[in-house]
Amino acid sequence: MMAYLSNLLPILLSGIQLTLIVYVATLLLSIPLGFLGALLTQSKIKGLTRIIDVFTWIIRGTPLLLQLYFVFYGLPILFQITIRDKRLLFAILTFTINYAAYFIEIFKGGFASIDPGQWDVSLMLELSRWTTLKSVIIPQVFANTIYVIGNEAITLVKDTALLATVALPDLLMVSKEALSRDARVDALVFSSVFYLLFTLIVVVSVKSLSQKWKVEV
């Protein structure tokens, strides 16, 4: 088994690389976008809030797999474009839009958990709205949502396997190809161990952050 895996390792590592690229890029883009969207819903502009609510309803109400199919196979038909050379970019954009919608709702819940009285106290202390938001509200929003954010980060680990459905050579796809070609399950076992370890790293990281912010999870 070890000799077989050592020969297969370069292909498996290339799959891991693509999986990690999509994973990291999605989190780095979707969390800030989700927070910005949630922050905009706290404004007095009702039309803007409704637009964001409709966006989250559509994205959260349809499967990520369907969204990937629409982007990869629907858009080229609708707009007569080719995305063959930009498949990774479009995959990252699709994942980012999907997860941003979920993070918007998560951060909205974080804002809702803040006692409105804190705004009144900040006003009494003559703190500006921006100072209150930056120094008082936002840290609590992240502290109150870190566990839910962590759950989404774990879900994303598994969702990256959907890349195989749109012919992107992630870890699952190269493992499946090895299975079909060699009639051996070694690559699938390797992939399972990788996903489990990856999830463990995310769990440990979330617990570390929650302890740093003194949040019980």
N, C-alpha and C. Protein backbone atom coordinates (compact mmCIF):
# COMPACT_ATOMS: atom_id res chain seq x y z
N MET A 1 0.83 -1.22 0.00
CA MET A 1 0.00 0.00 0.00
C MET A 1 0.86 1.26 0.00
N MET A 2 1.92 1.26 0.86
CA MET A 2 2.77 2.44 0.96
C MET A 2 3.51 2.72 -0.35
N ALA A 3 3.97 1.66 -0.99
CA ALA A 3 4.67 1.84 -2.26
C ALA A 3 3.74 2.40 -3.31
N TYR A 4 2.51 1.90 -3.31
CA TYR A 4 1.51 2.39 -4.27
C TYR A 4 1.19 3.85 -4.02
N LEU A 5 0.98 4.21 -2.75
CA LEU A 5 0.65 5.59 -2.40
C LEU A 5 1.81 6.54 -2.69
N SER A 6 3.03 6.06 -2.49
CA SER A 6 4.19 6.92 -2.77
C SER A 6 4.26 7.28 -4.26
N ASN A 7 3.88 6.34 -5.11
CA ASN A 7 3.85 6.62 -6.55
C ASN A 7 2.70 7.56 -6.91
N LEU A 8 1.62 7.44 -6.14
CA LEU A 8 0.43 8.24 -6.41
C LEU A 8 0.48 9.61 -5.74
N LEU A 9 1.41 9.76 -4.81
CA LEU A 9 1.46 10.96 -3.97
C LEU A 9 1.49 12.28 -4.74
N PRO A 10 2.30 12.42 -5.80
CA PRO A 10 2.30 13.71 -6.52
C PRO A 10 0.92 14.12 -7.02
N ILE A 11 0.14 13.15 -7.51
CA ILE A 11 -1.21 13.46 -8.00
C ILE A 11 -2.12 13.83 -6.84
N LEU A 12 -2.01 13.09 -5.73
CA LEU A 12 -2.83 13.38 -4.55
C LEU A 12 -2.50 14.76 -3.99
N LEU A 13 -1.23 15.11 -3.98
CA LEU A 13 -0.81 16.41 -3.47
C LEU A 13 -1.33 17.54 -4.35
N SER A 14 -1.39 17.31 -5.65
CA SER A 14 -1.93 18.33 -6.55
C SER A 14 -3.42 18.53 -6.27
N GLY A 15 -4.11 17.42 -5.95
CA GLY A 15 -5.52 17.52 -5.59
C GLY A 15 -5.71 18.26 -4.28
N ILE A 16 -4.84 17.98 -3.31
CA ILE A 16 -4.90 18.68 -2.03
C ILE A 16 -4.66 20.17 -2.23
N GLN A 17 -3.70 20.50 -3.08
CA GLN A 17 -3.39 21.91 -3.34
C GLN A 17 -4.60 22.66 -3.86
N LEU A 18 -5.30 22.07 -4.83
CA LEU A 18 -6.48 22.73 -5.39
C LEU A 18 -7.58 22.85 -4.33
N THR A 19 -7.76 21.80 -3.54
CA THR A 19 -8.76 21.83 -2.47
C THR A 19 -8.46 22.96 -1.48
N LEU A 20 -7.21 23.09 -1.09
CA LEU A 20 -6.82 24.12 -0.13
C LEU A 20 -6.97 25.52 -0.71
N ILE A 21 -6.64 25.67 -1.99
CA ILE A 21 -6.78 26.98 -2.64
C ILE A 21 -8.23 27.45 -2.58
N VAL A 22 -9.15 26.58 -2.95
CA VAL A 22 -10.57 26.93 -2.94
C VAL A 22 -11.04 27.18 -1.51
N TYR A 23 -10.60 26.35 -0.59
CA TYR A 23 -11.03 26.48 0.81
C TYR A 23 -10.58 27.82 1.39
N VAL A 24 -9.30 28.10 1.30
CA VAL A 24 -8.75 29.33 1.89
C VAL A 24 -9.32 30.57 1.21
N ALA A 25 -9.37 30.55 -0.12
CA ALA A 25 -9.89 31.71 -0.86
C ALA A 25 -11.35 31.97 -0.50
N THR A 26 -12.14 30.90 -0.36
CA THR A 26 -13.55 31.06 -0.02
C THR A 26 -13.72 31.72 1.34
N LEU A 27 -12.98 31.25 2.33
CA LEU A 27 -13.10 31.84 3.67
C LEU A 27 -12.61 33.28 3.69
N LEU A 28 -11.49 33.55 3.04
CA LEU A 28 -10.92 34.90 3.05
C LEU A 28 -11.84 35.92 2.36
N LEU A 29 -12.62 35.45 1.40
CA LEU A 29 -13.51 36.35 0.67
C LEU A 29 -14.92 36.39 1.27
N SER A 30 -15.45 35.23 1.65
CA SER A 30 -16.85 35.16 2.08
C SER A 30 -17.09 35.73 3.48
N ILE A 31 -16.14 35.58 4.39
CA ILE A 31 -16.35 36.11 5.74
C ILE A 31 -16.43 37.64 5.73
N PRO A 32 -15.47 38.35 5.11
CA PRO A 32 -15.62 39.81 5.04
C PRO A 32 -16.88 40.25 4.29
N LEU A 33 -17.21 39.56 3.19
CA LEU A 33 -18.42 39.92 2.44
C LEU A 33 -19.66 39.66 3.28
N GLY A 34 -19.67 38.57 4.01
CA GLY A 34 -20.80 38.26 4.87
C GLY A 34 -20.96 39.28 5.98
N PHE A 35 -19.84 39.69 6.56
CA PHE A 35 -19.91 40.70 7.61
C PHE A 35 -20.39 42.04 7.06
N LEU A 36 -19.87 42.41 5.89
CA LEU A 36 -20.30 43.67 5.27
C LEU A 36 -21.79 43.63 4.97
N GLY A 37 -22.27 42.51 4.43
CA GLY A 37 -23.69 42.38 4.13
C GLY A 37 -24.54 42.51 5.39
N ALA A 38 -24.11 41.85 6.47
CA ALA A 38 -24.84 41.93 7.74
C ALA A 38 -24.81 43.35 8.30
N LEU A 39 -23.67 44.01 8.14
CA LEU A 39 -23.54 45.38 8.63
C LEU A 39 -24.48 46.31 7.87
N LEU A 40 -24.61 46.10 6.57
CA LEU A 40 -25.49 46.93 5.76
C LEU A 40 -26.96 46.75 6.15
N THR A 41 -27.30 45.56 6.64
CA THR A 41 -28.69 45.33 7.07
C THR A 41 -29.02 46.08 8.35
N GLN A 42 -27.99 46.57 9.03
CA GLN A 42 -28.22 47.34 10.26
C GLN A 42 -28.50 48.81 9.95
N SER A 43 -28.40 49.17 8.68
CA SER A 43 -28.65 50.55 8.30
C SER A 43 -30.15 50.83 8.26
N LYS A 44 -30.49 52.09 8.04
CA LYS A 44 -31.89 52.51 7.99
C LYS A 44 -32.48 52.39 6.58
N ILE A 45 -31.66 51.92 5.65
CA ILE A 45 -32.11 51.83 4.26
C ILE A 45 -32.87 50.52 4.06
N LYS A 46 -34.20 50.57 4.07
CA LYS A 46 -35.01 49.37 3.99
C LYS A 46 -34.85 48.64 2.65
N GLY A 47 -34.73 49.41 1.56
CA GLY A 47 -34.58 48.79 0.25
C GLY A 47 -33.33 47.95 0.18
N LEU A 48 -32.24 48.44 0.76
CA LEU A 48 -30.98 47.71 0.75
C LEU A 48 -31.10 46.42 1.55
N THR A 49 -31.75 46.54 2.70
CA THR A 49 -31.95 45.35 3.54
C THR A 49 -32.76 44.29 2.82
N ARG A 50 -33.79 44.71 2.09
CA ARG A 50 -34.63 43.76 1.36
C ARG A 50 -33.86 43.07 0.25
N ILE A 51 -33.01 43.83 -0.43
CA ILE A 51 -32.19 43.24 -1.50
C ILE A 51 -31.28 42.16 -0.93
N ILE A 52 -30.66 42.46 0.20
CA ILE A 52 -29.77 41.49 0.85
C ILE A 52 -30.55 40.28 1.32
N ASP A 53 -31.74 40.50 1.85
CA ASP A 53 -32.58 39.38 2.31
C ASP A 53 -32.98 38.47 1.15
N VAL A 54 -33.32 39.07 0.01
CA VAL A 54 -33.67 38.27 -1.18
C VAL A 54 -32.47 37.48 -1.66
N PHE A 55 -31.31 38.13 -1.65
CA PHE A 55 -30.07 37.45 -2.06
C PHE A 55 -29.80 36.23 -1.18
N THR A 56 -29.87 36.41 0.14
CA THR A 56 -29.59 35.28 1.04
C THR A 56 -30.66 34.19 0.90
N TRP A 57 -31.90 34.59 0.63
CA TRP A 57 -32.98 33.61 0.46
C TRP A 57 -32.73 32.74 -0.77
N ILE A 58 -32.33 33.37 -1.87
CA ILE A 58 -32.08 32.63 -3.11
C ILE A 58 -30.88 31.70 -2.96
N ILE A 59 -29.79 32.22 -2.42
CA ILE A 59 -28.55 31.44 -2.33
C ILE A 59 -28.69 30.32 -1.31
N ARG A 60 -29.26 30.62 -0.15
CA ARG A 60 -29.40 29.60 0.88
C ARG A 60 -30.51 28.60 0.56
N GLY A 61 -31.41 29.00 -0.32
CA GLY A 61 -32.53 28.14 -0.67
C GLY A 61 -32.27 27.20 -1.83
N THR A 62 -31.09 27.31 -2.45
CA THR A 62 -30.73 26.43 -3.56
C THR A 62 -29.42 25.71 -3.23
N PRO A 63 -29.27 24.47 -3.64
CA PRO A 63 -28.05 23.71 -3.32
C PRO A 63 -26.81 24.30 -3.97
N LEU A 64 -25.69 24.20 -3.28
CA LEU A 64 -24.42 24.65 -3.84
C LEU A 64 -24.11 23.89 -5.12
N LEU A 65 -24.46 22.62 -5.17
CA LEU A 65 -24.21 21.84 -6.38
C LEU A 65 -24.98 22.42 -7.57
N LEU A 66 -26.23 22.81 -7.35
CA LEU A 66 -27.02 23.42 -8.41
C LEU A 66 -26.38 24.74 -8.86
N GLN A 67 -25.87 25.51 -7.93
CA GLN A 67 -25.23 26.78 -8.27
C GLN A 67 -23.97 26.54 -9.10
N LEU A 68 -23.21 25.50 -8.75
CA LEU A 68 -22.02 25.16 -9.54
C LEU A 68 -22.41 24.75 -10.96
N TYR A 69 -23.44 23.93 -11.08
CA TYR A 69 -23.91 23.52 -12.40
C TYR A 69 -24.37 24.72 -13.21
N PHE A 70 -25.09 25.64 -12.56
CA PHE A 70 -25.60 26.82 -13.27
C PHE A 70 -24.44 27.67 -13.80
N VAL A 71 -23.42 27.88 -12.95
CA VAL A 71 -22.29 28.71 -13.34
C VAL A 71 -21.47 28.04 -14.44
N PHE A 72 -21.19 26.74 -14.27
CA PHE A 72 -20.30 26.06 -15.20
C PHE A 72 -20.97 25.63 -16.50
N TYR A 73 -22.26 25.33 -16.43
CA TYR A 73 -22.94 24.82 -17.62
C TYR A 73 -24.08 25.72 -18.11
N GLY A 74 -24.65 26.50 -17.20
CA GLY A 74 -25.74 27.38 -17.58
C GLY A 74 -25.28 28.70 -18.15
N LEU A 75 -24.33 29.35 -17.46
CA LEU A 75 -23.84 30.65 -17.93
C LEU A 75 -23.25 30.60 -19.34
N PRO A 76 -22.43 29.58 -19.68
CA PRO A 76 -21.90 29.53 -21.05
C PRO A 76 -23.00 29.46 -22.11
N ILE A 77 -24.12 28.81 -21.79
CA ILE A 77 -25.23 28.73 -22.74
C ILE A 77 -25.99 30.05 -22.82
N LEU A 78 -26.25 30.64 -21.66
CA LEU A 78 -27.03 31.89 -21.62
C LEU A 78 -26.29 33.05 -22.27
N PHE A 79 -24.98 33.14 -22.01
CA PHE A 79 -24.23 34.32 -22.45
C PHE A 79 -23.19 34.02 -23.53
N GLN A 80 -23.21 32.77 -24.03
CA GLN A 80 -22.29 32.40 -25.10
C GLN A 80 -20.84 32.72 -24.74
N ILE A 81 -20.45 32.30 -23.54
CA ILE A 81 -19.08 32.53 -23.09
C ILE A 81 -18.43 31.19 -22.79
N THR A 82 -17.12 31.21 -22.70
CA THR A 82 -16.38 30.01 -22.33
C THR A 82 -15.61 30.27 -21.04
N ILE A 83 -15.66 29.32 -20.13
CA ILE A 83 -14.97 29.49 -18.85
C ILE A 83 -13.92 28.40 -18.67
N ARG A 84 -13.59 27.74 -19.77
CA ARG A 84 -12.68 26.59 -19.69
C ARG A 84 -11.35 26.96 -19.05
N ASP A 85 -10.82 28.12 -19.38
CA ASP A 85 -9.51 28.52 -18.85
C ASP A 85 -9.63 29.24 -17.51
N LYS A 86 -10.86 29.42 -17.02
CA LYS A 86 -11.05 30.14 -15.76
C LYS A 86 -11.92 29.33 -14.80
N ARG A 87 -11.82 28.02 -14.88
CA ARG A 87 -12.68 27.16 -14.09
C ARG A 87 -12.44 27.33 -12.59
N LEU A 88 -11.19 27.43 -12.21
CA LEU A 88 -10.87 27.60 -10.79
C LEU A 88 -11.42 28.91 -10.26
N LEU A 89 -11.27 29.98 -11.03
CA LEU A 89 -11.77 31.28 -10.63
C LEU A 89 -13.28 31.26 -10.44
N PHE A 90 -13.99 30.66 -11.39
CA PHE A 90 -15.44 30.60 -11.29
C PHE A 90 -15.89 29.70 -10.13
N ALA A 91 -15.13 28.68 -9.85
CA ALA A 91 -15.44 27.82 -8.70
C ALA A 91 -15.31 28.61 -7.41
N ILE A 92 -14.24 29.37 -7.29
CA ILE A 92 -14.03 30.17 -6.08
C ILE A 92 -15.13 31.21 -5.94
N LEU A 93 -15.51 31.86 -7.03
CA LEU A 93 -16.58 32.86 -6.99
C LEU A 93 -17.90 32.24 -6.55
N THR A 94 -18.19 31.04 -7.07
CA THR A 94 -19.45 30.37 -6.72
C THR A 94 -19.46 29.99 -5.24
N PHE A 95 -18.37 29.43 -4.77
CA PHE A 95 -18.27 29.07 -3.35
C PHE A 95 -18.36 30.32 -2.48
N THR A 96 -17.71 31.39 -2.90
CA THR A 96 -17.70 32.63 -2.12
C THR A 96 -19.10 33.21 -1.99
N ILE A 97 -19.83 33.28 -3.09
CA ILE A 97 -21.19 33.81 -3.07
C ILE A 97 -22.07 32.96 -2.16
N ASN A 98 -21.94 31.65 -2.27
CA ASN A 98 -22.75 30.75 -1.45
C ASN A 98 -22.47 30.95 0.03
N TYR A 99 -21.21 30.94 0.40
CA TYR A 99 -20.88 31.04 1.83
C TYR A 99 -21.07 32.46 2.37
N ALA A 100 -20.95 33.46 1.52
CA ALA A 100 -21.21 34.83 1.97
C ALA A 100 -22.66 34.97 2.43
N ALA A 101 -23.57 34.32 1.72
CA ALA A 101 -24.99 34.37 2.11
C ALA A 101 -25.21 33.78 3.50
N TYR A 102 -24.54 32.69 3.78
CA TYR A 102 -24.67 32.07 5.10
C TYR A 102 -24.03 32.94 6.19
N PHE A 103 -22.89 33.52 5.86
CA PHE A 103 -22.21 34.37 6.86
C PHE A 103 -23.00 35.65 7.13
N ILE A 104 -23.72 36.14 6.13
CA ILE A 104 -24.58 37.30 6.36
C ILE A 104 -25.58 36.99 7.46
N GLU A 105 -26.23 35.84 7.36
CA GLU A 105 -27.23 35.46 8.36
C GLU A 105 -26.58 35.21 9.71
N ILE A 106 -25.40 34.64 9.71
CA ILE A 106 -24.69 34.39 10.97
C ILE A 106 -24.36 35.70 11.68
N PHE A 107 -23.82 36.65 10.92
CA PHE A 107 -23.45 37.93 11.53
C PHE A 107 -24.67 38.76 11.90
N LYS A 108 -25.76 38.61 11.14
CA LYS A 108 -27.00 39.28 11.53
C LYS A 108 -27.44 38.78 12.90
N GLY A 109 -27.32 37.50 13.12
CA GLY A 109 -27.63 36.94 14.43
C GLY A 109 -26.70 37.48 15.50
N GLY A 110 -25.42 37.69 15.12
CA GLY A 110 -24.46 38.25 16.06
C GLY A 110 -24.82 39.68 16.46
N PHE A 111 -25.24 40.47 15.48
CA PHE A 111 -25.68 41.84 15.79
C PHE A 111 -26.93 41.83 16.66
N ALA A 112 -27.84 40.91 16.37
CA ALA A 112 -29.10 40.85 17.13
C ALA A 112 -28.85 40.44 18.58
N SER A 113 -27.73 39.75 18.84
CA SER A 113 -27.44 39.29 20.20
C SER A 113 -26.87 40.38 21.10
N ILE A 114 -26.53 41.52 20.50
CA ILE A 114 -25.95 42.61 21.28
C ILE A 114 -27.04 43.40 21.99
N ASP A 115 -26.87 43.63 23.26
CA ASP A 115 -27.83 44.42 24.04
C ASP A 115 -27.87 45.85 23.51
N PRO A 116 -29.04 46.32 23.07
CA PRO A 116 -29.16 47.70 22.55
C PRO A 116 -28.70 48.75 23.55
N GLY A 117 -28.73 48.39 24.83
CA GLY A 117 -28.31 49.35 25.85
C GLY A 117 -26.85 49.74 25.73
N GLN A 118 -26.06 48.92 25.07
CA GLN A 118 -24.64 49.26 24.92
C GLN A 118 -24.45 50.50 24.05
N TRP A 119 -25.37 50.68 23.10
CA TRP A 119 -25.32 51.90 22.29
C TRP A 119 -25.60 53.12 23.17
N ASP A 120 -26.56 52.98 24.07
CA ASP A 120 -26.92 54.10 24.96
C ASP A 120 -25.77 54.45 25.89
N VAL A 121 -25.11 53.42 26.41
CA VAL A 121 -23.95 53.65 27.29
C VAL A 121 -22.83 54.36 26.53
N SER A 122 -22.60 53.90 25.30
CA SER A 122 -21.55 54.53 24.49
C SER A 122 -21.89 55.98 24.20
N LEU A 123 -23.18 56.26 24.02
CA LEU A 123 -23.61 57.63 23.77
C LEU A 123 -23.37 58.50 25.01
N MET A 124 -23.64 57.94 26.18
CA MET A 124 -23.41 58.66 27.43
C MET A 124 -21.92 58.95 27.63
N LEU A 125 -21.09 58.03 27.14
CA LEU A 125 -19.64 58.21 27.25
C LEU A 125 -19.08 59.07 26.12
N GLU A 126 -19.98 59.59 25.29
CA GLU A 126 -19.63 60.47 24.18
C GLU A 126 -18.72 59.80 23.15
N LEU A 127 -18.95 58.49 22.95
CA LEU A 127 -18.21 57.77 21.91
C LEU A 127 -18.95 57.93 20.58
N SER A 128 -18.19 58.08 19.51
CA SER A 128 -18.82 58.19 18.21
C SER A 128 -19.41 56.85 17.81
N ARG A 129 -20.32 56.86 16.84
CA ARG A 129 -20.94 55.61 16.38
C ARG A 129 -19.88 54.66 15.82
N TRP A 130 -18.93 55.19 15.07
CA TRP A 130 -17.89 54.35 14.50
C TRP A 130 -17.01 53.74 15.59
N THR A 131 -16.64 54.54 16.60
CA THR A 131 -15.81 54.03 17.70
C THR A 131 -16.55 52.94 18.47
N THR A 132 -17.84 53.17 18.69
CA THR A 132 -18.65 52.16 19.38
C THR A 132 -18.72 50.88 18.58
N LEU A 133 -18.92 51.02 17.29
CA LEU A 133 -19.02 49.86 16.41
C LEU A 133 -17.71 49.09 16.39
N LYS A 134 -16.61 49.82 16.23
CA LYS A 134 -15.30 49.19 16.09
C LYS A 134 -14.80 48.58 17.40
N SER A 135 -14.98 49.27 18.49
CA SER A 135 -14.36 48.86 19.75
C SER A 135 -15.29 48.07 20.67
N VAL A 136 -16.59 48.21 20.48
CA VAL A 136 -17.54 47.57 21.39
C VAL A 136 -18.38 46.50 20.69
N ILE A 137 -19.02 46.87 19.60
CA ILE A 137 -19.99 45.98 18.96
C ILE A 137 -19.33 44.87 18.15
N ILE A 138 -18.44 45.24 17.23
CA ILE A 138 -17.86 44.24 16.33
C ILE A 138 -17.11 43.12 17.07
N PRO A 139 -16.27 43.43 18.08
CA PRO A 139 -15.62 42.33 18.81
C PRO A 139 -16.61 41.36 19.42
N GLN A 140 -17.74 41.88 19.93
CA GLN A 140 -18.74 41.00 20.53
C GLN A 140 -19.46 40.17 19.46
N VAL A 141 -19.70 40.78 18.31
CA VAL A 141 -20.36 40.04 17.22
C VAL A 141 -19.51 38.83 16.82
N PHE A 142 -18.21 39.03 16.65
CA PHE A 142 -17.34 37.92 16.28
C PHE A 142 -17.23 36.90 17.40
N ALA A 143 -17.15 37.38 18.65
CA ALA A 143 -17.07 36.46 19.78
C ALA A 143 -18.33 35.61 19.90
N ASN A 144 -19.46 36.22 19.64
CA ASN A 144 -20.74 35.51 19.77
C ASN A 144 -21.03 34.56 18.62
N THR A 145 -20.30 34.73 17.52
CA THR A 145 -20.58 33.90 16.33
C THR A 145 -19.44 32.96 15.97
N ILE A 146 -18.37 32.97 16.75
CA ILE A 146 -17.18 32.19 16.37
C ILE A 146 -17.49 30.71 16.23
N TYR A 147 -18.36 30.18 17.10
CA TYR A 147 -18.67 28.75 17.03
C TYR A 147 -19.45 28.42 15.76
N VAL A 148 -20.40 29.28 15.41
CA VAL A 148 -21.19 29.05 14.19
C VAL A 148 -20.31 29.22 12.95
N ILE A 149 -19.42 30.20 12.99
CA ILE A 149 -18.47 30.37 11.88
C ILE A 149 -17.62 29.12 11.74
N GLY A 150 -17.22 28.57 12.88
CA GLY A 150 -16.43 27.34 12.86
C GLY A 150 -17.19 26.19 12.22
N ASN A 151 -18.47 26.08 12.51
CA ASN A 151 -19.29 25.02 11.89
C ASN A 151 -19.34 25.18 10.38
N GLU A 152 -19.46 26.43 9.92
CA GLU A 152 -19.46 26.67 8.48
C GLU A 152 -18.11 26.32 7.86
N ALA A 153 -17.04 26.62 8.59
CA ALA A 153 -15.71 26.30 8.10
C ALA A 153 -15.52 24.79 7.98
N ILE A 154 -16.12 24.04 8.90
CA ILE A 154 -16.06 22.57 8.82
C ILE A 154 -16.89 22.07 7.64
N THR A 155 -18.06 22.66 7.45
CA THR A 155 -18.90 22.27 6.32
C THR A 155 -18.18 22.53 5.00
N LEU A 156 -17.45 23.62 4.94
CA LEU A 156 -16.72 23.96 3.71
C LEU A 156 -15.66 22.91 3.39
N VAL A 157 -15.04 22.33 4.41
CA VAL A 157 -14.06 21.26 4.18
C VAL A 157 -14.69 20.17 3.31
N LYS A 158 -15.91 19.77 3.68
CA LYS A 158 -16.59 18.70 2.94
C LYS A 158 -17.17 19.19 1.62
N ASP A 159 -17.61 20.44 1.59
CA ASP A 159 -18.20 20.97 0.34
C ASP A 159 -17.18 21.10 -0.78
N THR A 160 -15.90 21.21 -0.43
CA THR A 160 -14.89 21.32 -1.49
C THR A 160 -14.89 20.08 -2.38
N ALA A 161 -15.40 18.97 -1.85
CA ALA A 161 -15.47 17.75 -2.66
C ALA A 161 -16.40 17.91 -3.86
N LEU A 162 -17.26 18.92 -3.82
CA LEU A 162 -18.16 19.17 -4.96
C LEU A 162 -17.40 19.66 -6.19
N LEU A 163 -16.16 20.06 -5.99
CA LEU A 163 -15.36 20.50 -7.14
C LEU A 163 -15.23 19.38 -8.17
N ALA A 164 -15.25 18.15 -7.69
CA ALA A 164 -15.13 17.01 -8.60
C ALA A 164 -16.30 16.93 -9.57
N THR A 165 -17.46 17.46 -9.17
CA THR A 165 -18.65 17.36 -10.02
C THR A 165 -18.58 18.29 -11.23
N VAL A 166 -17.69 19.27 -11.18
CA VAL A 166 -17.53 20.17 -12.32
C VAL A 166 -16.14 19.99 -12.95
N ALA A 167 -15.63 18.76 -12.77
CA ALA A 167 -14.38 18.33 -13.44
C ALA A 167 -13.16 19.14 -13.04
N LEU A 168 -13.13 19.61 -11.80
CA LEU A 168 -11.91 20.24 -11.29
C LEU A 168 -11.14 19.18 -10.50
N PRO A 169 -9.84 19.04 -10.76
CA PRO A 169 -9.06 17.94 -10.18
C PRO A 169 -8.70 18.15 -8.71
N ASP A 170 -9.72 18.18 -7.85
CA ASP A 170 -9.47 18.27 -6.42
C ASP A 170 -9.08 16.89 -5.90
N LEU A 171 -8.91 16.79 -4.57
CA LEU A 171 -8.47 15.53 -3.98
C LEU A 171 -9.44 14.38 -4.27
N LEU A 172 -10.73 14.65 -4.15
CA LEU A 172 -11.72 13.58 -4.38
C LEU A 172 -11.69 13.09 -5.82
N MET A 173 -11.57 14.02 -6.75
CA MET A 173 -11.59 13.63 -8.16
C MET A 173 -10.38 12.77 -8.51
N VAL A 174 -9.19 13.17 -8.09
CA VAL A 174 -7.99 12.38 -8.43
C VAL A 174 -8.03 11.03 -7.71
N SER A 175 -8.64 10.99 -6.52
CA SER A 175 -8.78 9.72 -5.80
C SER A 175 -9.74 8.80 -6.53
N LYS A 176 -10.84 9.37 -7.01
CA LYS A 176 -11.82 8.58 -7.76
C LYS A 176 -11.21 8.04 -9.05
N GLU A 177 -10.41 8.86 -9.72
CA GLU A 177 -9.77 8.41 -10.95
C GLU A 177 -8.79 7.27 -10.67
N ALA A 178 -8.07 7.37 -9.54
CA ALA A 178 -7.15 6.30 -9.17
C ALA A 178 -7.91 5.01 -8.87
N LEU A 179 -9.06 5.14 -8.22
CA LEU A 179 -9.90 3.98 -7.93
C LEU A 179 -10.36 3.30 -9.23
N SER A 180 -10.84 4.11 -10.17
CA SER A 180 -11.33 3.56 -11.44
C SER A 180 -10.21 2.94 -12.26
N ARG A 181 -9.04 3.56 -12.22
CA ARG A 181 -7.93 3.10 -13.05
C ARG A 181 -7.27 1.85 -12.49
N ASP A 182 -7.05 1.84 -11.17
CA ASP A 182 -6.26 0.78 -10.56
C ASP A 182 -7.07 -0.24 -9.77
N ALA A 183 -8.37 0.04 -9.60
CA ALA A 183 -9.24 -0.87 -8.82
C ALA A 183 -8.68 -1.07 -7.41
N ARG A 184 -8.21 0.02 -6.82
CA ARG A 184 -7.69 -0.01 -5.44
C ARG A 184 -8.30 1.15 -4.67
N VAL A 185 -8.52 0.93 -3.36
CA VAL A 185 -9.18 1.95 -2.54
C VAL A 185 -8.18 2.79 -1.74
N ASP A 186 -6.90 2.58 -1.95
CA ASP A 186 -5.88 3.28 -1.16
C ASP A 186 -6.05 4.79 -1.20
N ALA A 187 -6.31 5.31 -2.40
CA ALA A 187 -6.44 6.76 -2.57
C ALA A 187 -7.65 7.29 -1.80
N LEU A 188 -8.74 6.51 -1.77
CA LEU A 188 -9.92 6.93 -1.03
C LEU A 188 -9.65 6.93 0.47
N VAL A 189 -8.89 5.95 0.94
CA VAL A 189 -8.51 5.92 2.36
C VAL A 189 -7.65 7.13 2.70
N PHE A 190 -6.72 7.44 1.81
CA PHE A 190 -5.86 8.61 2.00
C PHE A 190 -6.70 9.88 2.07
N SER A 191 -7.67 10.00 1.17
CA SER A 191 -8.53 11.17 1.14
C SER A 191 -9.35 11.28 2.43
N SER A 192 -9.85 10.17 2.91
CA SER A 192 -10.63 10.17 4.14
C SER A 192 -9.80 10.67 5.31
N VAL A 193 -8.57 10.19 5.39
CA VAL A 193 -7.67 10.63 6.47
C VAL A 193 -7.39 12.12 6.35
N PHE A 194 -7.18 12.58 5.13
CA PHE A 194 -6.91 14.01 4.93
C PHE A 194 -8.08 14.86 5.39
N TYR A 195 -9.31 14.51 4.97
CA TYR A 195 -10.48 15.30 5.35
C TYR A 195 -10.69 15.28 6.87
N LEU A 196 -10.44 14.13 7.49
CA LEU A 196 -10.59 14.04 8.94
C LEU A 196 -9.58 14.92 9.67
N LEU A 197 -8.33 14.88 9.21
CA LEU A 197 -7.29 15.71 9.83
C LEU A 197 -7.55 17.19 9.58
N PHE A 198 -8.00 17.50 8.37
CA PHE A 198 -8.32 18.89 8.02
C PHE A 198 -9.43 19.41 8.94
N THR A 199 -10.46 18.59 9.13
CA THR A 199 -11.56 18.98 10.02
C THR A 199 -11.07 19.16 11.45
N LEU A 200 -10.20 18.26 11.88
CA LEU A 200 -9.64 18.36 13.24
C LEU A 200 -8.89 19.67 13.43
N ILE A 201 -8.12 20.06 12.43
CA ILE A 201 -7.37 21.32 12.51
C ILE A 201 -8.32 22.50 12.65
N VAL A 202 -9.41 22.48 11.89
CA VAL A 202 -10.40 23.56 11.96
C VAL A 202 -11.04 23.60 13.35
N VAL A 203 -11.41 22.43 13.88
CA VAL A 203 -12.04 22.36 15.20
C VAL A 203 -11.10 22.90 16.27
N VAL A 204 -9.85 22.49 16.23
CA VAL A 204 -8.87 22.96 17.22
C VAL A 204 -8.66 24.47 17.10
N SER A 205 -8.62 24.96 15.87
CA SER A 205 -8.43 26.40 15.66
C SER A 205 -9.60 27.20 16.21
N VAL A 206 -10.82 26.71 15.99
CA VAL A 206 -12.01 27.40 16.50
C VAL A 206 -12.01 27.40 18.02
N LYS A 207 -11.67 26.28 18.63
CA LYS A 207 -11.63 26.21 20.10
C LYS A 207 -10.57 27.15 20.65
N SER A 208 -9.45 27.25 19.94
CA SER A 208 -8.39 28.15 20.38
C SER A 208 -8.85 29.61 20.34
N LEU A 209 -9.53 29.97 19.26
CA LEU A 209 -10.06 31.33 19.14
C LEU A 209 -11.13 31.61 20.18
N SER A 210 -11.99 30.63 20.42
CA SER A 210 -13.07 30.82 21.39
C SER A 210 -12.51 31.00 22.80
N GLN A 211 -11.44 30.28 23.12
CA GLN A 211 -10.80 30.45 24.42
C GLN A 211 -10.10 31.79 24.53
N LYS A 212 -9.53 32.23 23.41
CA LYS A 212 -8.86 33.53 23.41
C LYS A 212 -9.86 34.65 23.66
N TRP A 213 -11.05 34.49 23.07
CA TRP A 213 -12.12 35.50 23.24
C TRP A 213 -13.04 35.17 24.40
N LYS A 214 -12.68 34.10 25.14
CA LYS A 214 -13.45 33.70 26.33
C LYS A 214 -14.90 33.39 25.97
N VAL A 215 -15.04 32.56 24.92
CA VAL A 215 -16.36 32.13 24.51
C VAL A 215 -16.46 30.64 24.79
N GLU A 216 -17.53 30.19 25.38
CA GLU A 216 -17.74 28.79 25.66
C GLU A 216 -18.37 28.12 24.44
N VAL A 217 -17.76 27.04 23.93
CA VAL A 217 -18.29 26.32 22.79
C VAL A 217 -18.46 24.85 23.12
